[in-house]
Amino acid sequence: MKKISVLAILGAIATVPGFAASNNMNNNAMTVVSVEEVRNMSDNSPVIIRGYMLRQNGENSYVFQDDTGTINLEIDEEDWGGQTFSPNDFVEVWGEVDKNGMSVTEIDVSAIKKL
């Protein structure tokens, strides 16, 4: 029986969340929801939305719109994946609901792509 080092096991365990997150990006089990539906979801709920990014609203804040309304997206630099977008680009956004108090809801984006 081969011996496996504790460091190798810890290294493998540490990569599982990253693999799971990237694997979920290709998982069609999640359904696309509307901005209106996002507003009624619980904090930290995973979401996929489709629509248009209208404009930048701050350093990492952007205004997103679909047929049901607008919502702010928080997109960190590493989540852009080297892509650029215009307001005419139809996009798919993956992230989670971020409830900042009782009245402000935004989406903390983990990935975005043009469709």
PDB file of N, CA and C in Angstrom:
ATOM      1  N   MET A   1       0.847  -1.173   0.000  1.00  0.00           N
ATOM      2  CA  MET A   1       0.000   0.000   0.000  1.00  0.00           C
ATOM      3  C   MET A   1       0.896   1.241   0.000  1.00  0.00           C
ATOM      4  N   LYS A   2       0.598   2.182  -0.874  1.00  0.00           N
ATOM      5  CA  LYS A   2       1.386   3.405  -0.957  1.00  0.00           C
ATOM      6  C   LYS A   2       0.973   4.353   0.153  1.00  0.00           C
ATOM      7  N   LYS A   3       1.958   5.078   0.658  1.00  0.00           N
ATOM      8  CA  LYS A   3       1.681   6.089   1.667  1.00  0.00           C
ATOM      9  C   LYS A   3       1.416   7.414   0.964  1.00  0.00           C
ATOM     10  N   ILE A   4       0.399   8.119   1.399  1.00  0.00           N
ATOM     11  CA  ILE A   4       0.076   9.421   0.852  1.00  0.00           C
ATOM     12  C   ILE A   4       0.362  10.454   1.931  1.00  0.00           C
ATOM     13  N   SER A   5       1.074  11.498   1.562  1.00  0.00           N
ATOM     14  CA  SER A   5       1.436  12.508   2.554  1.00  0.00           C
ATOM     15  C   SER A   5       0.211  13.331   2.947  1.00  0.00           C
ATOM     16  N   VAL A   6       0.253  13.827   4.155  1.00  0.00           N
ATOM     17  CA  VAL A   6      -0.819  14.673   4.662  1.00  0.00           C
ATOM     18  C   VAL A   6      -0.923  15.936   3.804  1.00  0.00           C
ATOM     19  N   LEU A   7       0.218  16.475   3.358  1.00  0.00           N
ATOM     20  CA  LEU A   7       0.197  17.673   2.515  1.00  0.00           C
ATOM     21  C   LEU A   7      -0.517  17.406   1.196  1.00  0.00           C
ATOM     22  N   ALA A   8      -0.304  16.243   0.614  1.00  0.00           N
ATOM     23  CA  ALA A   8      -0.976  15.917  -0.644  1.00  0.00           C
ATOM     24  C   ALA A   8      -2.484  15.850  -0.446  1.00  0.00           C
ATOM     25  N   ILE A   9      -2.908  15.272   0.656  1.00  0.00           N
ATOM     26  CA  ILE A   9      -4.338  15.172   0.943  1.00  0.00           C
ATOM     27  C   ILE A   9      -4.934  16.560   1.176  1.00  0.00           C
ATOM     28  N   LEU A  10      -4.237  17.390   1.969  1.00  0.00           N
ATOM     29  CA  LEU A  10      -4.744  18.732   2.221  1.00  0.00           C
ATOM     30  C   LEU A  10      -4.788  19.550   0.941  1.00  0.00           C
ATOM     31  N   GLY A  11      -3.793  19.382   0.085  1.00  0.00           N
ATOM     32  CA  GLY A  11      -3.776  20.083  -1.193  1.00  0.00           C
ATOM     33  C   GLY A  11      -4.955  19.681  -2.057  1.00  0.00           C
ATOM     34  N   ALA A  12      -5.255  18.397  -2.082  1.00  0.00           N
ATOM     35  CA  ALA A  12      -6.385  17.911  -2.875  1.00  0.00           C
ATOM     36  C   ALA A  12      -7.700  18.437  -2.326  1.00  0.00           C
ATOM     37  N   ILE A  13      -7.834  18.461  -1.007  1.00  0.00           N
ATOM     38  CA  ILE A  13      -9.065  18.963  -0.395  1.00  0.00           C
ATOM     39  C   ILE A  13      -9.235  20.453  -0.671  1.00  0.00           C
ATOM     40  N   ALA A  14      -8.143  21.197  -0.635  1.00  0.00           N
ATOM     41  CA  ALA A  14      -8.215  22.646  -0.857  1.00  0.00           C
ATOM     42  C   ALA A  14      -8.665  22.989  -2.271  1.00  0.00           C
ATOM     43  N   THR A  15      -8.419  22.106  -3.234  1.00  0.00           N
ATOM     44  CA  THR A  15      -8.806  22.398  -4.614  1.00  0.00           C
ATOM     45  C   THR A  15     -10.252  22.027  -4.917  1.00  0.00           C
ATOM     46  N   VAL A  16     -10.886  21.252  -4.060  1.00  0.00           N
ATOM     47  CA  VAL A  16     -12.257  20.809  -4.319  1.00  0.00           C
ATOM     48  C   VAL A  16     -13.237  21.973  -4.451  1.00  0.00           C
ATOM     49  N   PRO A  17     -13.245  22.989  -3.539  1.00  0.00           N
ATOM     50  CA  PRO A  17     -14.206  24.084  -3.723  1.00  0.00           C
ATOM     51  C   PRO A  17     -14.014  24.815  -5.043  1.00  0.00           C
ATOM     52  N   GLY A  18     -12.804  25.063  -5.452  1.00  0.00           N
ATOM     53  CA  GLY A  18     -12.558  25.730  -6.730  1.00  0.00           C
ATOM     54  C   GLY A  18     -13.036  24.896  -7.892  1.00  0.00           C
ATOM     55  N   PHE A  19     -12.789  23.606  -7.844  1.00  0.00           N
ATOM     56  CA  PHE A  19     -13.255  22.714  -8.902  1.00  0.00           C
ATOM     57  C   PHE A  19     -14.773  22.680  -8.929  1.00  0.00           C
ATOM     58  N   ALA A  20     -15.369  22.610  -7.758  1.00  0.00           N
ATOM     59  CA  ALA A  20     -16.830  22.565  -7.697  1.00  0.00           C
ATOM     60  C   ALA A  20     -17.429  23.840  -8.251  1.00  0.00           C
ATOM     61  N   ALA A  21     -16.839  24.982  -7.924  1.00  0.00           N
ATOM     62  CA  ALA A  21     -17.365  26.249  -8.435  1.00  0.00           C
ATOM     63  C   ALA A  21     -17.249  26.310  -9.945  1.00  0.00           C
ATOM     64  N   SER A  22     -16.105  25.910 -10.494  1.00  0.00           N
ATOM     65  CA  SER A  22     -15.955  25.959 -11.942  1.00  0.00           C
ATOM     66  C   SER A  22     -16.836  24.912 -12.607  1.00  0.00           C
ATOM     67  N   ASN A  23     -17.043  23.789 -11.966  1.00  0.00           N
ATOM     68  CA  ASN A  23     -17.896  22.757 -12.511  1.00  0.00           C
ATOM     69  C   ASN A  23     -19.352  23.216 -12.516  1.00  0.00           C
ATOM     70  N   ASN A  24     -19.760  23.984 -11.500  1.00  0.00           N
ATOM     71  CA  ASN A  24     -21.129  24.486 -11.459  1.00  0.00           C
ATOM     72  C   ASN A  24     -21.403  25.463 -12.579  1.00  0.00           C
ATOM     73  N   MET A  25     -20.375  26.096 -13.104  1.00  0.00           N
ATOM     74  CA  MET A  25     -20.564  27.028 -14.202  1.00  0.00           C
ATOM     75  C   MET A  25     -21.109  26.297 -15.430  1.00  0.00           C
ATOM     76  N   ASN A  26     -20.871  25.010 -15.524  1.00  0.00           N
ATOM     77  CA  ASN A  26     -21.351  24.229 -16.652  1.00  0.00           C
ATOM     78  C   ASN A  26     -22.551  23.369 -16.286  1.00  0.00           C
ATOM     79  N   ASN A  27     -23.042  23.516 -15.084  1.00  0.00           N
ATOM     80  CA  ASN A  27     -24.145  22.706 -14.600  1.00  0.00           C
ATOM     81  C   ASN A  27     -25.466  23.349 -15.016  1.00  0.00           C
ATOM     82  N   ASN A  28     -26.237  22.668 -15.812  1.00  0.00           N
ATOM     83  CA  ASN A  28     -27.497  23.209 -16.288  1.00  0.00           C
ATOM     84  C   ASN A  28     -28.643  22.979 -15.306  1.00  0.00           C
ATOM     85  N   ALA A  29     -28.352  22.428 -14.118  1.00  0.00           N
ATOM     86  CA  ALA A  29     -29.389  22.164 -13.137  1.00  0.00           C
ATOM     87  C   ALA A  29     -29.964  23.467 -12.580  1.00  0.00           C
ATOM     88  N   MET A  30     -29.149  24.516 -12.528  1.00  0.00           N
ATOM     89  CA  MET A  30     -29.645  25.814 -12.073  1.00  0.00           C
ATOM     90  C   MET A  30     -30.426  26.454 -13.210  1.00  0.00           C
ATOM     91  N   THR A  31     -31.501  27.133 -12.859  1.00  0.00           N
ATOM     92  CA  THR A  31     -32.299  27.788 -13.891  1.00  0.00           C
ATOM     93  C   THR A  31     -32.059  29.287 -13.858  1.00  0.00           C
ATOM     94  N   VAL A  32     -32.277  29.909 -14.980  1.00  0.00           N
ATOM     95  CA  VAL A  32     -32.155  31.352 -15.093  1.00  0.00           C
ATOM     96  C   VAL A  32     -33.354  31.991 -14.400  1.00  0.00           C
ATOM     97  N   VAL A  33     -33.090  33.021 -13.605  1.00  0.00           N
ATOM     98  CA  VAL A  33     -34.153  33.742 -12.907  1.00  0.00           C
ATOM     99  C   VAL A  33     -34.143  35.197 -13.362  1.00  0.00           C
ATOM    100  N   SER A  34     -35.216  35.893 -13.069  1.00  0.00           N
ATOM    101  CA  SER A  34     -35.331  37.304 -13.434  1.00  0.00           C
ATOM    102  C   SER A  34     -34.840  38.181 -12.285  1.00  0.00           C
ATOM    103  N   VAL A  35     -34.598  39.447 -12.604  1.00  0.00           N
ATOM    104  CA  VAL A  35     -34.228  40.413 -11.566  1.00  0.00           C
ATOM    105  C   VAL A  35     -35.332  40.490 -10.517  1.00  0.00           C
ATOM    106  N   GLU A  36     -36.564  40.470 -10.939  1.00  0.00           N
ATOM    107  CA  GLU A  36     -37.685  40.507 -10.007  1.00  0.00           C
ATOM    108  C   GLU A  36     -37.638  39.316  -9.043  1.00  0.00           C
ATOM    109  N   GLU A  37     -37.336  38.142  -9.559  1.00  0.00           N
ATOM    110  CA  GLU A  37     -37.239  36.951  -8.707  1.00  0.00           C
ATOM    111  C   GLU A  37     -36.058  37.055  -7.742  1.00  0.00           C
ATOM    112  N   VAL A  38     -34.949  37.619  -8.206  1.00  0.00           N
ATOM    113  CA  VAL A  38     -33.769  37.772  -7.348  1.00  0.00           C
ATOM    114  C   VAL A  38     -34.124  38.582  -6.108  1.00  0.00           C
ATOM    115  N   ARG A  39     -34.909  39.612  -6.268  1.00  0.00           N
ATOM    116  CA  ARG A  39     -35.257  40.491  -5.141  1.00  0.00           C
ATOM    117  C   ARG A  39     -35.999  39.747  -4.029  1.00  0.00           C
ATOM    118  N   ASN A  40     -36.641  38.630  -4.350  1.00  0.00           N
ATOM    119  CA  ASN A  40     -37.380  37.853  -3.356  1.00  0.00           C
ATOM    120  C   ASN A  40     -36.603  36.642  -2.843  1.00  0.00           C
ATOM    121  N   MET A  41     -35.369  36.490  -3.268  1.00  0.00           N
ATOM    122  CA  MET A  41     -34.569  35.339  -2.853  1.00  0.00           C
ATOM    123  C   MET A  41     -33.802  35.649  -1.575  1.00  0.00           C
ATOM    124  N   SER A  42     -33.368  34.604  -0.902  1.00  0.00           N
ATOM    125  CA  SER A  42     -32.607  34.739   0.336  1.00  0.00           C
ATOM    126  C   SER A  42     -31.168  35.147   0.055  1.00  0.00           C
ATOM    127  N   ASP A  43     -30.555  35.770   1.045  1.00  0.00           N
ATOM    128  CA  ASP A  43     -29.150  36.141   0.978  1.00  0.00           C
ATOM    129  C   ASP A  43     -28.305  34.890   0.690  1.00  0.00           C
ATOM    130  N   ASN A  44     -27.309  35.052  -0.154  1.00  0.00           N
ATOM    131  CA  ASN A  44     -26.356  33.997  -0.541  1.00  0.00           C
ATOM    132  C   ASN A  44     -26.947  32.924  -1.453  1.00  0.00           C
ATOM    133  N   SER A  45     -28.155  33.114  -1.955  1.00  0.00           N
ATOM    134  CA  SER A  45     -28.729  32.146  -2.898  1.00  0.00           C
ATOM    135  C   SER A  45     -27.977  32.231  -4.230  1.00  0.00           C
ATOM    136  N   PRO A  46     -27.615  31.086  -4.817  1.00  0.00           N
ATOM    137  CA  PRO A  46     -26.957  31.125  -6.134  1.00  0.00           C
ATOM    138  C   PRO A  46     -27.968  31.497  -7.216  1.00  0.00           C
ATOM    139  N   VAL A  47     -27.532  32.314  -8.178  1.00  0.00           N
ATOM    140  CA  VAL A  47     -28.429  32.760  -9.236  1.00  0.00           C
ATOM    141  C   VAL A  47     -27.718  32.797 -10.585  1.00  0.00           C
ATOM    142  N   ILE A  48     -28.525  32.682 -11.622  1.00  0.00           N
ATOM    143  CA  ILE A  48     -28.100  32.934 -12.996  1.00  0.00           C
ATOM    144  C   ILE A  48     -29.124  33.902 -13.568  1.00  0.00           C
ATOM    145  N   ILE A  49     -28.649  35.018 -14.128  1.00  0.00           N
ATOM    146  CA  ILE A  49     -29.546  35.982 -14.756  1.00  0.00           C
ATOM    147  C   ILE A  49     -29.032  36.284 -16.159  1.00  0.00           C
ATOM    148  N   ARG A  50     -29.931  36.706 -17.031  1.00  0.00           N
ATOM    149  CA  ARG A  50     -29.562  37.076 -18.403  1.00  0.00           C
ATOM    150  C   ARG A  50     -30.167  38.428 -18.732  1.00  0.00           C
ATOM    151  N   GLY A  51     -29.362  39.249 -19.388  1.00  0.00           N
ATOM    152  CA  GLY A  51     -29.828  40.573 -19.760  1.00  0.00           C
ATOM    153  C   GLY A  51     -28.674  41.427 -20.232  1.00  0.00           C
ATOM    154  N   TYR A  52     -28.713  42.711 -19.875  1.00  0.00           N
ATOM    155  CA  TYR A  52     -27.735  43.682 -20.379  1.00  0.00           C
ATOM    156  C   TYR A  52     -27.130  44.480 -19.232  1.00  0.00           C
ATOM    157  N   MET A  53     -25.824  44.711 -19.323  1.00  0.00           N
ATOM    158  CA  MET A  53     -25.155  45.595 -18.374  1.00  0.00           C
ATOM    159  C   MET A  53     -25.225  46.999 -18.953  1.00  0.00           C
ATOM    160  N   LEU A  54     -25.934  47.878 -18.274  1.00  0.00           N
ATOM    161  CA  LEU A  54     -26.176  49.207 -18.812  1.00  0.00           C
ATOM    162  C   LEU A  54     -24.999  50.155 -18.646  1.00  0.00           C
ATOM    163  N   ARG A  55     -24.416  50.149 -17.436  1.00  0.00           N
ATOM    164  CA  ARG A  55     -23.340  51.105 -17.158  1.00  0.00           C
ATOM    165  C   ARG A  55     -22.620  50.738 -15.866  1.00  0.00           C
ATOM    166  N   GLN A  56     -21.447  51.340 -15.712  1.00  0.00           N
ATOM    167  CA  GLN A  56     -20.705  51.215 -14.467  1.00  0.00           C
ATOM    168  C   GLN A  56     -21.285  52.218 -13.482  1.00  0.00           C
ATOM    169  N   ASN A  57     -21.395  51.787 -12.224  1.00  0.00           N
ATOM    170  CA  ASN A  57     -22.049  52.598 -11.207  1.00  0.00           C
ATOM    171  C   ASN A  57     -21.122  52.847 -10.017  1.00  0.00           C
ATOM    172  N   GLY A  58     -19.859  52.522 -10.153  1.00  0.00           N
ATOM    173  CA  GLY A  58     -18.874  52.624  -9.082  1.00  0.00           C
ATOM    174  C   GLY A  58     -17.675  51.780  -9.465  1.00  0.00           C
ATOM    175  N   GLU A  59     -16.700  51.679  -8.573  1.00  0.00           N
ATOM    176  CA  GLU A  59     -15.470  50.962  -8.916  1.00  0.00           C
ATOM    177  C   GLU A  59     -15.725  49.531  -9.370  1.00  0.00           C
ATOM    178  N   ASN A  60     -16.476  48.762  -8.608  1.00  0.00           N
ATOM    179  CA  ASN A  60     -16.798  47.376  -8.963  1.00  0.00           C
ATOM    180  C   ASN A  60     -18.300  47.163  -9.098  1.00  0.00           C
ATOM    181  N   SER A  61     -19.054  48.228  -9.253  1.00  0.00           N
ATOM    182  CA  SER A  61     -20.504  48.151  -9.291  1.00  0.00           C
ATOM    183  C   SER A  61     -21.018  48.498 -10.685  1.00  0.00           C
ATOM    184  N   TYR A  62     -21.968  47.691 -11.165  1.00  0.00           N
ATOM    185  CA  TYR A  62     -22.523  47.858 -12.509  1.00  0.00           C
ATOM    186  C   TYR A  62     -24.032  47.698 -12.447  1.00  0.00           C
ATOM    187  N   VAL A  63     -24.733  48.406 -13.320  1.00  0.00           N
ATOM    188  CA  VAL A  63     -26.191  48.313 -13.389  1.00  0.00           C
ATOM    189  C   VAL A  63     -26.549  47.307 -14.481  1.00  0.00           C
ATOM    190  N   PHE A  64     -27.352  46.324 -14.106  1.00  0.00           N
ATOM    191  CA  PHE A  64     -27.795  45.242 -14.986  1.00  0.00           C
ATOM    192  C   PHE A  64     -29.296  45.379 -15.183  1.00  0.00           C
ATOM    193  N   GLN A  65     -29.771  45.030 -16.381  1.00  0.00           N
ATOM    194  CA  GLN A  65     -31.212  45.111 -16.661  1.00  0.00           C
ATOM    195  C   GLN A  65     -31.688  43.893 -17.436  1.00  0.00           C
ATOM    196  N   ASP A  66     -32.853  43.387 -17.038  1.00  0.00           N
ATOM    197  CA  ASP A  66     -33.572  42.404 -17.842  1.00  0.00           C
ATOM    198  C   ASP A  66     -34.979  42.949 -18.060  1.00  0.00           C
ATOM    199  N   ASP A  67     -35.879  42.127 -18.543  1.00  0.00           N
ATOM    200  CA  ASP A  67     -37.244  42.587 -18.843  1.00  0.00           C
ATOM    201  C   ASP A  67     -38.047  42.959 -17.598  1.00  0.00           C
ATOM    202  N   THR A  68     -37.562  42.568 -16.404  1.00  0.00           N
ATOM    203  CA  THR A  68     -38.335  42.801 -15.188  1.00  0.00           C
ATOM    204  C   THR A  68     -37.793  43.928 -14.322  1.00  0.00           C
ATOM    205  N   GLY A  69     -36.630  44.469 -14.674  1.00  0.00           N
ATOM    206  CA  GLY A  69     -36.089  45.562 -13.871  1.00  0.00           C
ATOM    207  C   GLY A  69     -34.574  45.629 -13.894  1.00  0.00           C
ATOM    208  N   THR A  70     -34.027  46.440 -12.989  1.00  0.00           N
ATOM    209  CA  THR A  70     -32.576  46.619 -12.887  1.00  0.00           C
ATOM    210  C   THR A  70     -32.094  46.185 -11.510  1.00  0.00           C
ATOM    211  N   ILE A  71     -30.811  45.853 -11.448  1.00  0.00           N
ATOM    212  CA  ILE A  71     -30.171  45.472 -10.193  1.00  0.00           C
ATOM    213  C   ILE A  71     -28.685  45.769 -10.317  1.00  0.00           C
ATOM    214  N   ASN A  72     -28.054  46.052  -9.193  1.00  0.00           N
ATOM    215  CA  ASN A  72     -26.609  46.278  -9.192  1.00  0.00           C
ATOM    216  C   ASN A  72     -25.866  44.949  -9.129  1.00  0.00           C
ATOM    217  N   LEU A  73     -24.778  44.896  -9.871  1.00  0.00           N
ATOM    218  CA  LEU A  73     -23.874  43.751  -9.839  1.00  0.00           C
ATOM    219  C   LEU A  73     -22.553  44.203  -9.240  1.00  0.00           C
ATOM    220  N   GLU A  74     -21.980  43.384  -8.384  1.00  0.00           N
ATOM    221  CA  GLU A  74     -20.624  43.629  -7.893  1.00  0.00           C
ATOM    222  C   GLU A  74     -19.712  42.656  -8.623  1.00  0.00           C
ATOM    223  N   ILE A  75     -18.821  43.211  -9.460  1.00  0.00           N
ATOM    224  CA  ILE A  75     -17.941  42.372 -10.271  1.00  0.00           C
ATOM    225  C   ILE A  75     -16.506  42.741  -9.961  1.00  0.00           C
ATOM    226  N   ASP A  76     -15.779  41.826  -9.324  1.00  0.00           N
ATOM    227  CA  ASP A  76     -14.364  42.036  -9.042  1.00  0.00           C
ATOM    228  C   ASP A  76     -13.554  41.837 -10.310  1.00  0.00           C
ATOM    229  N   GLU A  77     -12.392  42.450 -10.363  1.00  0.00           N
ATOM    230  CA  GLU A  77     -11.556  42.429 -11.564  1.00  0.00           C
ATOM    231  C   GLU A  77     -11.293  41.014 -12.080  1.00  0.00           C
ATOM    232  N   GLU A  78     -11.033  40.078 -11.180  1.00  0.00           N
ATOM    233  CA  GLU A  78     -10.708  38.712 -11.605  1.00  0.00           C
ATOM    234  C   GLU A  78     -11.909  37.965 -12.188  1.00  0.00           C
ATOM    235  N   ASP A  79     -13.127  38.468 -11.965  1.00  0.00           N
ATOM    236  CA  ASP A  79     -14.324  37.793 -12.462  1.00  0.00           C
ATOM    237  C   ASP A  79     -14.655  38.133 -13.918  1.00  0.00           C
ATOM    238  N   TRP A  80     -13.972  39.110 -14.493  1.00  0.00           N
ATOM    239  CA  TRP A  80     -14.219  39.496 -15.890  1.00  0.00           C
ATOM    240  C   TRP A  80     -13.665  38.477 -16.872  1.00  0.00           C
ATOM    241  N   GLY A  81     -12.652  37.728 -16.483  1.00  0.00           N
ATOM    242  CA  GLY A  81     -12.071  36.726 -17.372  1.00  0.00           C
ATOM    243  C   GLY A  81     -11.479  37.332 -18.635  1.00  0.00           C
ATOM    244  N   GLY A  82     -10.988  38.588 -18.547  1.00  0.00           N
ATOM    245  CA  GLY A  82     -10.375  39.233 -19.701  1.00  0.00           C
ATOM    246  C   GLY A  82     -11.362  39.721 -20.750  1.00  0.00           C
ATOM    247  N   GLN A  83     -12.636  39.654 -20.460  1.00  0.00           N
ATOM    248  CA  GLN A  83     -13.673  40.039 -21.419  1.00  0.00           C
ATOM    249  C   GLN A  83     -14.041  41.510 -21.259  1.00  0.00           C
ATOM    250  N   THR A  84     -14.553  42.093 -22.318  1.00  0.00           N
ATOM    251  CA  THR A  84     -15.136  43.433 -22.270  1.00  0.00           C
ATOM    252  C   THR A  84     -16.553  43.354 -22.824  1.00  0.00           C
ATOM    253  N   PHE A  85     -17.398  44.253 -22.353  1.00  0.00           N
ATOM    254  CA  PHE A  85     -18.797  44.240 -22.742  1.00  0.00           C
ATOM    255  C   PHE A  85     -19.271  45.644 -23.073  1.00  0.00           C
ATOM    256  N   SER A  86     -20.279  45.720 -23.933  1.00  0.00           N
ATOM    257  CA  SER A  86     -20.950  46.986 -24.218  1.00  0.00           C
ATOM    258  C   SER A  86     -22.402  46.840 -23.765  1.00  0.00           C
ATOM    259  N   PRO A  87     -23.130  47.936 -23.638  1.00  0.00           N
ATOM    260  CA  PRO A  87     -24.544  47.846 -23.236  1.00  0.00           C
ATOM    261  C   PRO A  87     -25.411  47.060 -24.223  1.00  0.00           C
ATOM    262  N   ASN A  88     -24.921  46.833 -25.434  1.00  0.00           N
ATOM    263  CA  ASN A  88     -25.684  46.065 -26.427  1.00  0.00           C
ATOM    264  C   ASN A  88     -25.456  44.565 -26.339  1.00  0.00           C
ATOM    265  N   ASP A  89     -24.508  44.133 -25.509  1.00  0.00           N
ATOM    266  CA  ASP A  89     -24.187  42.708 -25.392  1.00  0.00           C
ATOM    267  C   ASP A  89     -25.149  42.009 -24.434  1.00  0.00           C
ATOM    268  N   PHE A  90     -25.784  40.944 -24.922  1.00  0.00           N
ATOM    269  CA  PHE A  90     -26.645  40.119 -24.088  1.00  0.00           C
ATOM    270  C   PHE A  90     -25.737  39.182 -23.306  1.00  0.00           C
ATOM    271  N   VAL A  91     -25.838  39.192 -21.969  1.00  0.00           N
ATOM    272  CA  VAL A  91     -24.901  38.457 -21.134  1.00  0.00           C
ATOM    273  C   VAL A  91     -25.619  37.515 -20.176  1.00  0.00           C
ATOM    274  N   GLU A  92     -24.862  36.525 -19.721  1.00  0.00           N
ATOM    275  CA  GLU A  92     -25.319  35.626 -18.661  1.00  0.00           C
ATOM    276  C   GLU A  92     -24.404  35.846 -17.471  1.00  0.00           C
ATOM    277  N   VAL A  93     -25.006  36.029 -16.312  1.00  0.00           N
ATOM    278  CA  VAL A  93     -24.278  36.331 -15.088  1.00  0.00           C
ATOM    279  C   VAL A  93     -24.532  35.221 -14.076  1.00  0.00           C
ATOM    280  N   TRP A  94     -23.446  34.715 -13.480  1.00  0.00           N
ATOM    281  CA  TRP A  94     -23.522  33.722 -12.414  1.00  0.00           C
ATOM    282  C   TRP A  94     -23.059  34.401 -11.132  1.00  0.00           C
ATOM    283  N   GLY A  95     -23.775  34.195 -10.050  1.00  0.00           N
ATOM    284  CA  GLY A  95     -23.360  34.797  -8.795  1.00  0.00           C
ATOM    285  C   GLY A  95     -24.265  34.374  -7.662  1.00  0.00           C
ATOM    286  N   GLU A  96     -24.248  35.205  -6.614  1.00  0.00           N
ATOM    287  CA  GLU A  96     -25.135  34.922  -5.494  1.00  0.00           C
ATOM    288  C   GLU A  96     -25.737  36.219  -4.985  1.00  0.00           C
ATOM    289  N   VAL A  97     -26.932  36.079  -4.443  1.00  0.00           N
ATOM    290  CA  VAL A  97     -27.674  37.214  -3.922  1.00  0.00           C
ATOM    291  C   VAL A  97     -26.931  37.775  -2.719  1.00  0.00           C
ATOM    292  N   ASP A  98     -26.825  39.098  -2.692  1.00  0.00           N
ATOM    293  CA  ASP A  98     -26.179  39.785  -1.580  1.00  0.00           C
ATOM    294  C   ASP A  98     -27.169  40.806  -1.041  1.00  0.00           C
ATOM    295  N   LYS A  99     -27.754  40.497   0.111  1.00  0.00           N
ATOM    296  CA  LYS A  99     -28.709  41.402   0.759  1.00  0.00           C
ATOM    297  C   LYS A  99     -27.924  42.308   1.698  1.00  0.00           C
ATOM    298  N   ASN A 100     -27.892  43.592   1.372  1.00  0.00           N
ATOM    299  CA  ASN A 100     -27.211  44.588   2.205  1.00  0.00           C
ATOM    300  C   ASN A 100     -28.261  45.367   2.971  1.00  0.00           C
ATOM    301  N   GLY A 101     -28.690  44.819   4.070  1.00  0.00           N
ATOM    302  CA  GLY A 101     -29.767  45.457   4.820  1.00  0.00           C
ATOM    303  C   GLY A 101     -31.112  44.959   4.324  1.00  0.00           C
ATOM    304  N   MET A 102     -32.138  45.632   4.701  1.00  0.00           N
ATOM    305  CA  MET A 102     -33.485  45.177   4.376  1.00  0.00           C
ATOM    306  C   MET A 102     -33.921  45.543   2.957  1.00  0.00           C
ATOM    307  N   SER A 103     -33.402  46.657   2.406  1.00  0.00           N
ATOM    308  CA  SER A 103     -33.969  47.125   1.145  1.00  0.00           C
ATOM    309  C   SER A 103     -33.037  47.017  -0.056  1.00  0.00           C
ATOM    310  N   VAL A 104     -31.760  46.789   0.149  1.00  0.00           N
ATOM    311  CA  VAL A 104     -30.816  46.777  -0.967  1.00  0.00           C
ATOM    312  C   VAL A 104     -30.403  45.348  -1.286  1.00  0.00           C
ATOM    313  N   THR A 105     -30.655  44.948  -2.512  1.00  0.00           N
ATOM    314  CA  THR A 105     -30.240  43.630  -2.982  1.00  0.00           C
ATOM    315  C   THR A 105     -29.358  43.831  -4.192  1.00  0.00           C
ATOM    316  N   GLU A 106     -28.248  43.112  -4.247  1.00  0.00           N
ATOM    317  CA  GLU A 106     -27.384  43.117  -5.419  1.00  0.00           C
ATOM    318  C   GLU A 106     -26.902  41.694  -5.650  1.00  0.00           C
ATOM    319  N   ILE A 107     -26.163  41.499  -6.723  1.00  0.00           N
ATOM    320  CA  ILE A 107     -25.614  40.180  -7.011  1.00  0.00           C
ATOM    321  C   ILE A 107     -24.104  40.279  -6.986  1.00  0.00           C
ATOM    322  N   ASP A 108     -23.490  39.427  -6.178  1.00  0.00           N
ATOM    323  CA  ASP A 108     -22.045  39.303  -6.130  1.00  0.00           C
ATOM    324  C   ASP A 108     -21.677  38.304  -7.225  1.00  0.00           C
ATOM    325  N   VAL A 109     -21.070  38.788  -8.293  1.00  0.00           N
ATOM    326  CA  VAL A 109     -20.835  38.002  -9.500  1.00  0.00           C
ATOM    327  C   VAL A 109     -19.603  37.117  -9.346  1.00  0.00           C
ATOM    328  N   SER A 110     -19.737  35.864  -9.784  1.00  0.00           N
ATOM    329  CA  SER A 110     -18.599  34.954  -9.821  1.00  0.00           C
ATOM    330  C   SER A 110     -18.112  34.729 -11.238  1.00  0.00           C
ATOM    331  N   ALA A 111     -18.995  34.920 -12.231  1.00  0.00           N
ATOM    332  CA  ALA A 111     -18.615  34.774 -13.645  1.00  0.00           C
ATOM    333  C   ALA A 111     -19.637  35.466 -14.527  1.00  0.00           C
ATOM    334  N   ILE A 112     -19.189  35.890 -15.692  1.00  0.00           N
ATOM    335  CA  ILE A 112     -20.054  36.553 -16.652  1.00  0.00           C
ATOM    336  C   ILE A 112     -19.574  36.189 -18.051  1.00  0.00           C
ATOM    337  N   LYS A 113     -20.523  36.032 -18.990  1.00  0.00           N
ATOM    338  CA  LYS A 113     -20.137  35.729 -20.362  1.00  0.00           C
ATOM    339  C   LYS A 113     -21.166  36.286 -21.335  1.00  0.00           C
ATOM    340  N   LYS A 114     -20.698  36.596 -22.543  1.00  0.00           N
ATOM    341  CA  LYS A 114     -21.607  37.027 -23.609  1.00  0.00           C
ATOM    342  C   LYS A 114     -22.344  35.815 -24.145  1.00  0.00           C
ATOM    343  N   LEU A 115     -23.579  36.015 -24.531  1.00  0.00           N
ATOM    344  CA  LEU A 115     -24.359  34.941 -25.155  1.00  0.00           C
ATOM    345  C   LEU A 115     -24.537  35.232 -26.631  1.00  0.00           C
TER     346      LEU A 115
END
